[in-house]
């Protein structure tokens, strides 16, 4: 099962990189980006936003714990 996931992911990456696109840093709305690359860029952006939100929530919680800990002692 793991091997099939790896193979599917490798095929997906190859299908994205086949086009005449210059790289993965191309904007999503330009004509040079294929549909597969646009999907990949949207997924990448969504994952980045989710990671930033999780990190910010953790920082807020830690900051609040430190502030309340200093007030108690």
PDB file of N, CA and C in Angstrom:
ATOM      1  N   UNK A   1       0.822  -1.184   0.000  1.00  0.00           N
ATOM      2  CA  UNK A   1       0.000   0.000   0.000  1.00  0.00           C
ATOM      3  C   UNK A   1       0.871   1.255   0.000  1.00  0.00           C
ATOM      4  N   UNK A   2       1.947   1.231   0.784  1.00  0.00           N
ATOM      5  CA  UNK A   2       2.836   2.382   0.847  1.00  0.00           C
ATOM      6  C   UNK A   2       3.533   2.590  -0.491  1.00  0.00           C
ATOM      7  N   UNK A   3       3.915   1.513  -1.146  1.00  0.00           N
ATOM      8  CA  UNK A   3       4.590   1.638  -2.426  1.00  0.00           C
ATOM      9  C   UNK A   3       3.667   2.245  -3.484  1.00  0.00           C
ATOM     10  N   UNK A   4       2.405   1.901  -3.466  1.00  0.00           N
ATOM     11  CA  UNK A   4       1.497   2.461  -4.452  1.00  0.00           C
ATOM     12  C   UNK A   4       1.301   3.951  -4.217  1.00  0.00           C
ATOM     13  N   UNK A   5       1.263   4.394  -2.962  1.00  0.00           N
ATOM     14  CA  UNK A   5       1.157   5.825  -2.682  1.00  0.00           C
ATOM     15  C   UNK A   5       2.376   6.565  -3.202  1.00  0.00           C
ATOM     16  N   UNK A   6       3.545   5.975  -2.963  1.00  0.00           N
ATOM     17  CA  UNK A   6       4.781   6.613  -3.422  1.00  0.00           C
ATOM     18  C   UNK A   6       4.791   6.696  -4.936  1.00  0.00           C
ATOM     19  N   UNK A   7       4.398   5.617  -5.595  1.00  0.00           N
ATOM     20  CA  UNK A   7       4.375   5.614  -7.056  1.00  0.00           C
ATOM     21  C   UNK A   7       3.371   6.623  -7.596  1.00  0.00           C
ATOM     22  N   UNK A   8       2.196   6.701  -6.983  1.00  0.00           N
ATOM     23  CA  UNK A   8       1.200   7.664  -7.429  1.00  0.00           C
ATOM     24  C   UNK A   8       1.697   9.093  -7.242  1.00  0.00           C
ATOM     25  N   UNK A   9       2.367   9.341  -6.129  1.00  0.00           N
ATOM     26  CA  UNK A   9       2.881  10.688  -5.883  1.00  0.00           C
ATOM     27  C   UNK A   9       3.985  11.034  -6.885  1.00  0.00           C
ATOM     28  N   UNK A  10       4.853  10.073  -7.186  1.00  0.00           N
ATOM     29  CA  UNK A  10       5.903  10.318  -8.173  1.00  0.00           C
ATOM     30  C   UNK A  10       5.306  10.591  -9.547  1.00  0.00           C
ATOM     31  N   UNK A  11       4.272   9.853  -9.927  1.00  0.00           N
ATOM     32  CA  UNK A  11       3.604  10.099 -11.207  1.00  0.00           C
ATOM     33  C   UNK A  11       2.945  11.461 -11.219  1.00  0.00           C
ATOM     34  N   UNK A  12       2.361  11.845 -10.106  1.00  0.00           N
ATOM     35  CA  UNK A  12       1.724  13.155  -9.999  1.00  0.00           C
ATOM     36  C   UNK A  12       2.754  14.260 -10.170  1.00  0.00           C
ATOM     37  N   UNK A  13       3.901  14.128  -9.487  1.00  0.00           N
ATOM     38  CA  UNK A  13       4.948  15.137  -9.602  1.00  0.00           C
ATOM     39  C   UNK A  13       5.487  15.216 -11.031  1.00  0.00           C
ATOM     40  N   UNK A  14       5.637  14.068 -11.672  1.00  0.00           N
ATOM     41  CA  UNK A  14       6.120  14.070 -13.051  1.00  0.00           C
ATOM     42  C   UNK A  14       5.108  14.727 -13.981  1.00  0.00           C
ATOM     43  N   UNK A  15       3.815  14.475 -13.764  1.00  0.00           N
ATOM     44  CA  UNK A  15       2.799  15.074 -14.624  1.00  0.00           C
ATOM     45  C   UNK A  15       2.750  16.584 -14.450  1.00  0.00           C
ATOM     46  N   UNK A  16       3.045  17.069 -13.250  1.00  0.00           N
ATOM     47  CA  UNK A  16       3.072  18.518 -13.021  1.00  0.00           C
ATOM     48  C   UNK A  16       4.265  19.142 -13.730  1.00  0.00           C
ATOM     49  N   UNK A  17       5.410  18.491 -13.652  1.00  0.00           N
ATOM     50  CA  UNK A  17       6.626  19.088 -14.184  1.00  0.00           C
ATOM     51  C   UNK A  17       6.784  18.886 -15.686  1.00  0.00           C
ATOM     52  N   UNK A  18       5.879  18.181 -16.353  1.00  0.00           N
ATOM     53  CA  UNK A  18       6.001  17.927 -17.782  1.00  0.00           C
ATOM     54  C   UNK A  18       5.770  19.170 -18.635  1.00  0.00           C
ATOM     55  N   UNK A  19       4.922  20.062 -18.189  1.00  0.00           N
ATOM     56  CA  UNK A  19       4.544  21.216 -18.995  1.00  0.00           C
ATOM     57  C   UNK A  19       5.707  22.147 -19.273  1.00  0.00           C
ATOM     58  N   UNK A  20       5.443  23.187 -20.023  1.00  0.00           N
ATOM     59  CA  UNK A  20       6.462  24.172 -20.352  1.00  0.00           C
ATOM     60  C   UNK A  20       6.633  25.197 -19.253  1.00  0.00           C
ATOM     61  N   UNK A  21       6.086  24.934 -18.093  1.00  0.00           N
ATOM     62  CA  UNK A  21       6.157  25.892 -16.997  1.00  0.00           C
ATOM     63  C   UNK A  21       7.594  26.015 -16.517  1.00  0.00           C
ATOM     64  N   UNK A  22       7.912  27.166 -15.958  1.00  0.00           N
ATOM     65  CA  UNK A  22       9.274  27.446 -15.540  1.00  0.00           C
ATOM     66  C   UNK A  22       9.571  26.878 -14.158  1.00  0.00           C
ATOM     67  N   UNK A  23       8.569  26.665 -13.345  1.00  0.00           N
ATOM     68  CA  UNK A  23       8.802  26.125 -12.015  1.00  0.00           C
ATOM     69  C   UNK A  23       7.547  26.200 -11.186  1.00  0.00           C
ATOM     70  N   UNK A  24       7.650  25.755  -9.951  1.00  0.00           N
ATOM     71  CA  UNK A  24       6.494  25.733  -9.072  1.00  0.00           C
ATOM     72  C   UNK A  24       6.188  27.096  -8.470  1.00  0.00           C
ATOM     73  N   UNK A  25       7.046  28.078  -8.686  1.00  0.00           N
ATOM     74  CA  UNK A  25       6.838  29.386  -8.099  1.00  0.00           C
ATOM     75  C   UNK A  25       6.010  30.301  -8.997  1.00  0.00           C
ATOM     76  N   UNK A  26       5.449  29.758 -10.068  1.00  0.00           N
ATOM     77  CA  UNK A  26       4.633  30.559 -10.978  1.00  0.00           C
ATOM     78  C   UNK A  26       3.304  30.902 -10.310  1.00  0.00           C
ATOM     79  N   UNK A  27       2.743  32.051 -10.603  1.00  0.00           N
ATOM     80  CA  UNK A  27       1.437  32.414 -10.040  1.00  0.00           C
ATOM     81  C   UNK A  27       0.348  31.456 -10.499  1.00  0.00           C
ATOM     82  N   UNK A  28      -0.716  31.353  -9.717  1.00  0.00           N
ATOM     83  CA  UNK A  28      -1.780  30.403 -10.020  1.00  0.00           C
ATOM     84  C   UNK A  28      -2.653  30.851 -11.179  1.00  0.00           C
ATOM     85  N   UNK A  29      -2.764  32.134 -11.421  1.00  0.00           N
ATOM     86  CA  UNK A  29      -3.727  32.634 -12.388  1.00  0.00           C
ATOM     87  C   UNK A  29      -3.160  32.863 -13.780  1.00  0.00           C
ATOM     88  N   UNK A  30      -1.878  32.641 -13.997  1.00  0.00           N
ATOM     89  CA  UNK A  30      -1.312  32.884 -15.316  1.00  0.00           C
ATOM     90  C   UNK A  30      -1.663  31.748 -16.264  1.00  0.00           C
ATOM     91  N   UNK A  31      -1.515  32.006 -17.533  1.00  0.00           N
ATOM     92  CA  UNK A  31      -1.854  31.002 -18.539  1.00  0.00           C
ATOM     93  C   UNK A  31      -0.806  29.894 -18.622  1.00  0.00           C
ATOM     94  N   UNK A  32       0.409  30.166 -18.127  1.00  0.00           N
ATOM     95  CA  UNK A  32       1.486  29.182 -18.214  1.00  0.00           C
ATOM     96  C   UNK A  32       1.264  27.986 -17.290  1.00  0.00           C
ATOM     97  N   UNK A  33       0.462  28.135 -16.266  1.00  0.00           N
ATOM     98  CA  UNK A  33       0.281  27.095 -15.264  1.00  0.00           C
ATOM     99  C   UNK A  33      -0.783  26.108 -15.724  1.00  0.00           C
ATOM    100  N   UNK A  34      -0.440  24.832 -15.677  1.00  0.00           N
ATOM    101  CA  UNK A  34      -1.409  23.805 -16.029  1.00  0.00           C
ATOM    102  C   UNK A  34      -2.408  23.624 -14.888  1.00  0.00           C
ATOM    103  N   UNK A  35      -3.470  22.886 -15.152  1.00  0.00           N
ATOM    104  CA  UNK A  35      -4.486  22.677 -14.120  1.00  0.00           C
ATOM    105  C   UNK A  35      -3.926  21.883 -12.952  1.00  0.00           C
ATOM    106  N   UNK A  36      -3.061  20.893 -13.251  1.00  0.00           N
ATOM    107  CA  UNK A  36      -2.472  20.103 -12.175  1.00  0.00           C
ATOM    108  C   UNK A  36      -1.577  20.978 -11.290  1.00  0.00           C
ATOM    109  N   UNK A  37      -0.797  21.861 -11.931  1.00  0.00           N
ATOM    110  CA  UNK A  37       0.082  22.715 -11.151  1.00  0.00           C
ATOM    111  C   UNK A  37      -0.731  23.717 -10.336  1.00  0.00           C
ATOM    112  N   UNK A  38      -1.819  24.217 -10.908  1.00  0.00           N
ATOM    113  CA  UNK A  38      -2.679  25.131 -10.161  1.00  0.00           C
ATOM    114  C   UNK A  38      -3.243  24.465  -8.928  1.00  0.00           C
ATOM    115  N   UNK A  39      -3.674  23.212  -9.076  1.00  0.00           N
ATOM    116  CA  UNK A  39      -4.183  22.450  -7.938  1.00  0.00           C
ATOM    117  C   UNK A  39      -3.088  22.246  -6.892  1.00  0.00           C
ATOM    118  N   UNK A  40      -1.895  21.913  -7.350  1.00  0.00           N
ATOM    119  CA  UNK A  40      -0.774  21.720  -6.439  1.00  0.00           C
ATOM    120  C   UNK A  40      -0.463  23.009  -5.681  1.00  0.00           C
ATOM    121  N   UNK A  41      -0.467  24.141  -6.375  1.00  0.00           N
ATOM    122  CA  UNK A  41      -0.168  25.416  -5.727  1.00  0.00           C
ATOM    123  C   UNK A  41      -1.250  25.797  -4.728  1.00  0.00           C
ATOM    124  N   UNK A  42      -2.507  25.499  -5.045  1.00  0.00           N
ATOM    125  CA  UNK A  42      -3.588  25.782  -4.097  1.00  0.00           C
ATOM    126  C   UNK A  42      -3.444  24.922  -2.845  1.00  0.00           C
ATOM    127  N   UNK A  43      -3.121  23.641  -3.036  1.00  0.00           N
ATOM    128  CA  UNK A  43      -2.933  22.751  -1.894  1.00  0.00           C
ATOM    129  C   UNK A  43      -1.759  23.213  -1.040  1.00  0.00           C
ATOM    130  N   UNK A  44      -0.686  23.639  -1.699  1.00  0.00           N
ATOM    131  CA  UNK A  44       0.498  24.109  -0.987  1.00  0.00           C
ATOM    132  C   UNK A  44       0.191  25.360  -0.177  1.00  0.00           C
ATOM    133  N   UNK A  45      -0.555  26.287  -0.772  1.00  0.00           N
ATOM    134  CA  UNK A  45      -0.923  27.521  -0.081  1.00  0.00           C
ATOM    135  C   UNK A  45      -1.837  27.232   1.100  1.00  0.00           C
ATOM    136  N   UNK A  46      -2.810  26.345   0.903  1.00  0.00           N
ATOM    137  CA  UNK A  46      -3.731  25.996   1.982  1.00  0.00           C
ATOM    138  C   UNK A  46      -2.985  25.357   3.140  1.00  0.00           C
ATOM    139  N   UNK A  47      -2.062  24.475   2.850  1.00  0.00           N
ATOM    140  CA  UNK A  47      -1.290  23.805   3.898  1.00  0.00           C
ATOM    141  C   UNK A  47      -0.415  24.809   4.649  1.00  0.00           C
ATOM    142  N   UNK A  48       0.158  25.759   3.914  1.00  0.00           N
ATOM    143  CA  UNK A  48       0.991  26.777   4.551  1.00  0.00           C
ATOM    144  C   UNK A  48       0.164  27.635   5.499  1.00  0.00           C
ATOM    145  N   UNK A  49      -1.037  28.021   5.080  1.00  0.00           N
ATOM    146  CA  UNK A  49      -1.919  28.836   5.929  1.00  0.00           C
ATOM    147  C   UNK A  49      -2.322  28.053   7.174  1.00  0.00           C
ATOM    148  N   UNK A  50      -2.645  26.777   7.008  1.00  0.00           N
ATOM    149  CA  UNK A  50      -3.005  25.951   8.158  1.00  0.00           C
ATOM    150  C   UNK A  50      -1.841  25.848   9.150  1.00  0.00           C
ATOM    151  N   UNK A  51      -0.632  25.662   8.641  1.00  0.00           N
ATOM    152  CA  UNK A  51       0.534  25.552   9.520  1.00  0.00           C
ATOM    153  C   UNK A  51       0.785  26.855  10.274  1.00  0.00           C
ATOM    154  N   UNK A  52       0.658  27.978   9.590  1.00  0.00           N
ATOM    155  CA  UNK A  52       0.862  29.273  10.243  1.00  0.00           C
ATOM    156  C   UNK A  52      -0.190  29.493  11.321  1.00  0.00           C
ATOM    157  N   UNK A  53      -1.447  29.115  11.041  1.00  0.00           N
ATOM    158  CA  UNK A  53      -2.516  29.280  12.028  1.00  0.00           C
ATOM    159  C   UNK A  53      -2.247  28.421  13.267  1.00  0.00           C
ATOM    160  N   UNK A  54      -1.805  27.204  13.080  1.00  0.00           N
ATOM    161  CA  UNK A  54      -1.510  26.318  14.213  1.00  0.00           C
ATOM    162  C   UNK A  54      -0.367  26.886  15.056  1.00  0.00           C
ATOM    163  N   UNK A  55       0.665  27.378  14.399  1.00  0.00           N
ATOM    164  CA  UNK A  55       1.800  27.949  15.122  1.00  0.00           C
ATOM    165  C   UNK A  55       1.369  29.187  15.905  1.00  0.00           C
ATOM    166  N   UNK A  56       0.553  30.037  15.300  1.00  0.00           N
ATOM    167  CA  UNK A  56       0.084  31.237  15.992  1.00  0.00           C
ATOM    168  C   UNK A  56      -0.776  30.890  17.199  1.00  0.00           C
ATOM    169  N   UNK A  57      -1.634  29.900  17.073  1.00  0.00           N
ATOM    170  CA  UNK A  57      -2.469  29.470  18.195  1.00  0.00           C
ATOM    171  C   UNK A  57      -1.594  28.952  19.339  1.00  0.00           C
ATOM    172  N   UNK A  58      -0.576  28.167  18.996  1.00  0.00           N
ATOM    173  CA  UNK A  58       0.340  27.661  20.029  1.00  0.00           C
ATOM    174  C   UNK A  58       1.068  28.807  20.720  1.00  0.00           C
ATOM    175  N   UNK A  59       1.522  29.792  19.958  1.00  0.00           N
ATOM    176  CA  UNK A  59       2.209  30.930  20.554  1.00  0.00           C
ATOM    177  C   UNK A  59       1.297  31.733  21.473  1.00  0.00           C
ATOM    178  N   UNK A  60       0.040  31.898  21.076  1.00  0.00           N
ATOM    179  CA  UNK A  60      -0.915  32.622  21.918  1.00  0.00           C
ATOM    180  C   UNK A  60      -1.151  31.872  23.219  1.00  0.00           C
ATOM    181  N   UNK A  61      -1.321  30.566  23.145  1.00  0.00           N
ATOM    182  CA  UNK A  61      -1.553  29.762  24.345  1.00  0.00           C
ATOM    183  C   UNK A  61      -0.344  29.835  25.277  1.00  0.00           C
ATOM    184  N   UNK A  62       0.862  29.712  24.728  1.00  0.00           N
ATOM    185  CA  UNK A  62       2.069  29.778  25.550  1.00  0.00           C
ATOM    186  C   UNK A  62       2.206  31.153  26.192  1.00  0.00           C
ATOM    187  N   UNK A  63       1.929  32.196  25.425  1.00  0.00           N
ATOM    188  CA  UNK A  63       2.011  33.556  25.966  1.00  0.00           C
ATOM    189  C   UNK A  63       1.014  33.759  27.100  1.00  0.00           C
ATOM    190  N   UNK A  64      -0.214  33.279  26.919  1.00  0.00           N
ATOM    191  CA  UNK A  64      -1.209  33.413  27.975  1.00  0.00           C
ATOM    192  C   UNK A  64      -0.817  32.633  29.221  1.00  0.00           C
ATOM    193  N   UNK A  65      -0.263  31.453  29.055  1.00  0.00           N
ATOM    194  CA  UNK A  65       0.186  30.673  30.210  1.00  0.00           C
ATOM    195  C   UNK A  65       1.310  31.386  30.955  1.00  0.00           C
ATOM    196  N   UNK A  66       2.219  31.986  30.237  1.00  0.00           N
ATOM    197  CA  UNK A  66       3.320  32.710  30.878  1.00  0.00           C
ATOM    198  C   UNK A  66       2.789  33.921  31.632  1.00  0.00           C
ATOM    199  N   UNK A  67       1.878  34.672  31.006  1.00  0.00           N
ATOM    200  CA  UNK A  67       1.325  35.866  31.654  1.00  0.00           C
ATOM    201  C   UNK A  67       0.565  35.494  32.913  1.00  0.00           C
ATOM    202  N   UNK A  68      -0.319  34.503  32.835  1.00  0.00           N
ATOM    203  CA  UNK A  68      -1.069  34.091  34.020  1.00  0.00           C
ATOM    204  C   UNK A  68      -0.165  33.455  35.074  1.00  0.00           C
ATOM    205  N   UNK A  69       0.871  32.777  34.638  1.00  0.00           N
ATOM    206  CA  UNK A  69       1.820  32.200  35.593  1.00  0.00           C
ATOM    207  C   UNK A  69       2.573  33.271  36.352  1.00  0.00           C
ATOM    208  N   UNK A  70       2.945  34.350  35.684  1.00  0.00           N
ATOM    209  CA  UNK A  70       3.634  35.444  36.362  1.00  0.00           C
ATOM    210  C   UNK A  70       2.704  36.185  37.322  1.00  0.00           C
ATOM    211  N   UNK A  71       1.428  36.306  36.964  1.00  0.00           N
ATOM    212  CA  UNK A  71       0.474  36.974  37.849  1.00  0.00           C
ATOM    213  C   UNK A  71       0.218  36.158  39.105  1.00  0.00           C
ATOM    214  N   UNK A  72       0.197  34.849  38.988  1.00  0.00           N
ATOM    215  CA  UNK A  72      -0.064  34.002  40.155  1.00  0.00           C
ATOM    216  C   UNK A  72       1.118  33.987  41.118  1.00  0.00           C
ATOM    217  N   UNK A  73       2.327  34.079  40.626  1.00  0.00           N
ATOM    218  CA  UNK A  73       3.504  33.990  41.494  1.00  0.00           C
ATOM    219  C   UNK A  73       4.102  35.349  41.578  1.00  0.00           C
TER     220      UNK A  73
END
